[in-house]
C-alpha atoms as a PDB file:
ATOM      1  CA  UNK A   1      11.000   3.438  -3.975  1.00  0.00           C
ATOM      2  CA  UNK A   2      10.476   5.945  -7.060  1.00  0.00           C
ATOM      3  CA  UNK A   3       6.914   6.139  -5.805  1.00  0.00           C
ATOM      4  CA  UNK A   4       7.791   6.695  -2.284  1.00  0.00           C
ATOM      5  CA  UNK A   5       9.774   9.794  -3.382  1.00  0.00           C
ATOM      6  CA  UNK A   6       6.550  11.270  -4.572  1.00  0.00           C
ATOM      7  CA  UNK A   7       5.601  11.818  -1.060  1.00  0.00           C
ATOM      8  CA  UNK A   8       8.165  14.418  -0.511  1.00  0.00           C
ATOM      9  CA  UNK A   9       9.580  13.822   3.340  1.00  0.00           C
ATOM     10  CA  UNK A  10       7.100  11.320   4.775  1.00  0.00           C
ATOM     11  CA  UNK A  11       8.108  10.250   7.943  1.00  0.00           C
ATOM     12  CA  UNK A  12       6.547   6.613   8.309  1.00  0.00           C
ATOM     13  CA  UNK A  13       7.652   3.615   6.757  1.00  0.00           C
ATOM     14  CA  UNK A  14       6.301   1.936   3.548  1.00  0.00           C
ATOM     15  CA  UNK A  15       6.494  -1.528   2.403  1.00  0.00           C
ATOM     16  CA  UNK A  16       6.777  -2.999  -1.088  1.00  0.00           C
ATOM     17  CA  UNK A  17       6.262  -6.445  -1.696  1.00  0.00           C
ATOM     18  CA  UNK A  18       9.456  -7.667  -3.154  1.00  0.00           C
ATOM     19  CA  UNK A  19      11.006 -11.271  -1.707  1.00  0.00           C
ATOM     20  CA  UNK A  20       9.650 -13.736  -0.880  1.00  0.00           C
ATOM     21  CA  UNK A  21       7.408 -12.766  -4.180  1.00  0.00           C
ATOM     22  CA  UNK A  22       3.876 -12.163  -3.063  1.00  0.00           C
ATOM     23  CA  UNK A  23       4.144 -12.935   0.487  1.00  0.00           C
ATOM     24  CA  UNK A  24       2.620  -9.810   1.901  1.00  0.00           C
ATOM     25  CA  UNK A  25      -0.356  -9.565  -0.909  1.00  0.00           C
ATOM     26  CA  UNK A  26      -1.150 -13.085   0.171  1.00  0.00           C
ATOM     27  CA  UNK A  27      -1.297 -12.215   3.698  1.00  0.00           C
ATOM     28  CA  UNK A  28      -3.615  -9.234   3.045  1.00  0.00           C
ATOM     29  CA  UNK A  29      -5.675 -11.034   0.372  1.00  0.00           C
ATOM     30  CA  UNK A  30      -4.112  -9.050  -2.705  1.00  0.00           C
ATOM     31  CA  UNK A  31      -2.137 -11.763  -4.583  1.00  0.00           C
ATOM     32  CA  UNK A  32      -3.831 -12.293  -8.195  1.00  0.00           C
ATOM     33  CA  UNK A  33      -3.369 -16.175  -8.936  1.00  0.00           C
ATOM     34  CA  UNK A  34      -3.824 -16.125 -12.821  1.00  0.00           C
ATOM     35  CA  UNK A  35      -1.138 -13.454 -13.509  1.00  0.00           C
ATOM     36  CA  UNK A  36       1.055 -14.242 -10.709  1.00  0.00           C
ATOM     37  CA  UNK A  37       1.171 -10.648  -9.206  1.00  0.00           C
ATOM     38  CA  UNK A  38       0.343  -8.499  -6.564  1.00  0.00           C
ATOM     39  CA  UNK A  39      -2.589  -6.465  -6.755  1.00  0.00           C
ATOM     40  CA  UNK A  40      -1.692  -2.584  -6.975  1.00  0.00           C
ATOM     41  CA  UNK A  41      -3.327  -1.649  -3.422  1.00  0.00           C
ATOM     42  CA  UNK A  42      -2.758   0.848  -0.476  1.00  0.00           C
ATOM     43  CA  UNK A  43      -2.903  -0.638   3.042  1.00  0.00           C
ATOM     44  CA  UNK A  44      -2.767   2.087   6.043  1.00  0.00           C
ATOM     45  CA  UNK A  45      -1.734   0.142   9.012  1.00  0.00           C
ATOM     46  CA  UNK A  46      -2.043   1.702  12.573  1.00  0.00           C
ATOM     47  CA  UNK A  47       0.789   1.782  15.134  1.00  0.00           C
ATOM     48  CA  UNK A  48      -1.039  -0.941  16.924  1.00  0.00           C
ATOM     49  CA  UNK A  49      -0.375  -3.035  13.496  1.00  0.00           C
ATOM     50  CA  UNK A  50      -4.224  -3.098  12.589  1.00  0.00           C
ATOM     51  CA  UNK A  51      -5.333  -2.336   8.982  1.00  0.00           C
ATOM     52  CA  UNK A  52      -7.342   1.370   9.253  1.00  0.00           C
ATOM     53  CA  UNK A  53      -8.071   1.174   5.524  1.00  0.00           C
ATOM     54  CA  UNK A  54      -7.161  -0.315   2.345  1.00  0.00           C
ATOM     55  CA  UNK A  55      -8.046   0.400  -1.215  1.00  0.00           C
ATOM     56  CA  UNK A  56      -7.228  -1.467  -4.543  1.00  0.00           C
ATOM     57  CA  UNK A  57      -6.735   0.106  -8.052  1.00  0.00           C
ATOM     58  CA  UNK A  58      -6.253  -2.762 -10.179  1.00  0.00           C
ATOM     59  CA  UNK A  59      -2.979  -3.704 -11.846  1.00  0.00           C
ATOM     60  CA  UNK A  60      -3.106  -1.067 -14.229  1.00  0.00           C
ATOM     61  CA  UNK A  61      -4.830   1.396 -11.659  1.00  0.00           C
ATOM     62  CA  UNK A  62      -2.820   4.804 -10.349  1.00  0.00           C
ATOM     63  CA  UNK A  63      -2.810   6.406  -6.778  1.00  0.00           C
ATOM     64  CA  UNK A  64      -2.165   9.972  -5.983  1.00  0.00           C
ATOM     65  CA  UNK A  65       0.331  10.355  -3.107  1.00  0.00           C
ATOM     66  CA  UNK A  66      -1.594  13.707  -1.770  1.00  0.00           C
ATOM     67  CA  UNK A  67      -5.045  11.576  -1.447  1.00  0.00           C
ATOM     68  CA  UNK A  68      -3.477   9.020   0.666  1.00  0.00           C
ATOM     69  CA  UNK A  69      -1.316  11.582   2.686  1.00  0.00           C
ATOM     70  CA  UNK A  70      -4.847  13.336   3.413  1.00  0.00           C
ATOM     71  CA  UNK A  71      -6.447   9.872   4.449  1.00  0.00           C
ATOM     72  CA  UNK A  72      -3.578   9.166   6.837  1.00  0.00           C
ATOM     73  CA  UNK A  73      -3.882  12.242   8.288  1.00  0.00           C
ATOM     74  CA  UNK A  74      -7.956  11.541   8.379  1.00  0.00           C
ATOM     75  CA  UNK A  75      -7.068   8.681  10.271  1.00  0.00           C
ATOM     76  CA  UNK A  76      -4.891  10.196  12.964  1.00  0.00           C
ATOM     77  CA  UNK A  77      -2.001   8.228  11.719  1.00  0.00           C
END
């Protein structure tokens, strides 16, 4: 929720994989079996439900909200 607030007024939904644990990560191939956690990644999904772009930064990686918004705008979403 705190990460979502860093976007300042976005008008599209964000999804976090909380329960059942790892279900969404597993569906997108982002589940890390050995540590039992989801990879830190961003997946932009179009209005038609298709994946437009995805990026993994690893469990300790950081993402820049401004860069992600720019990518979404570039993709016309």
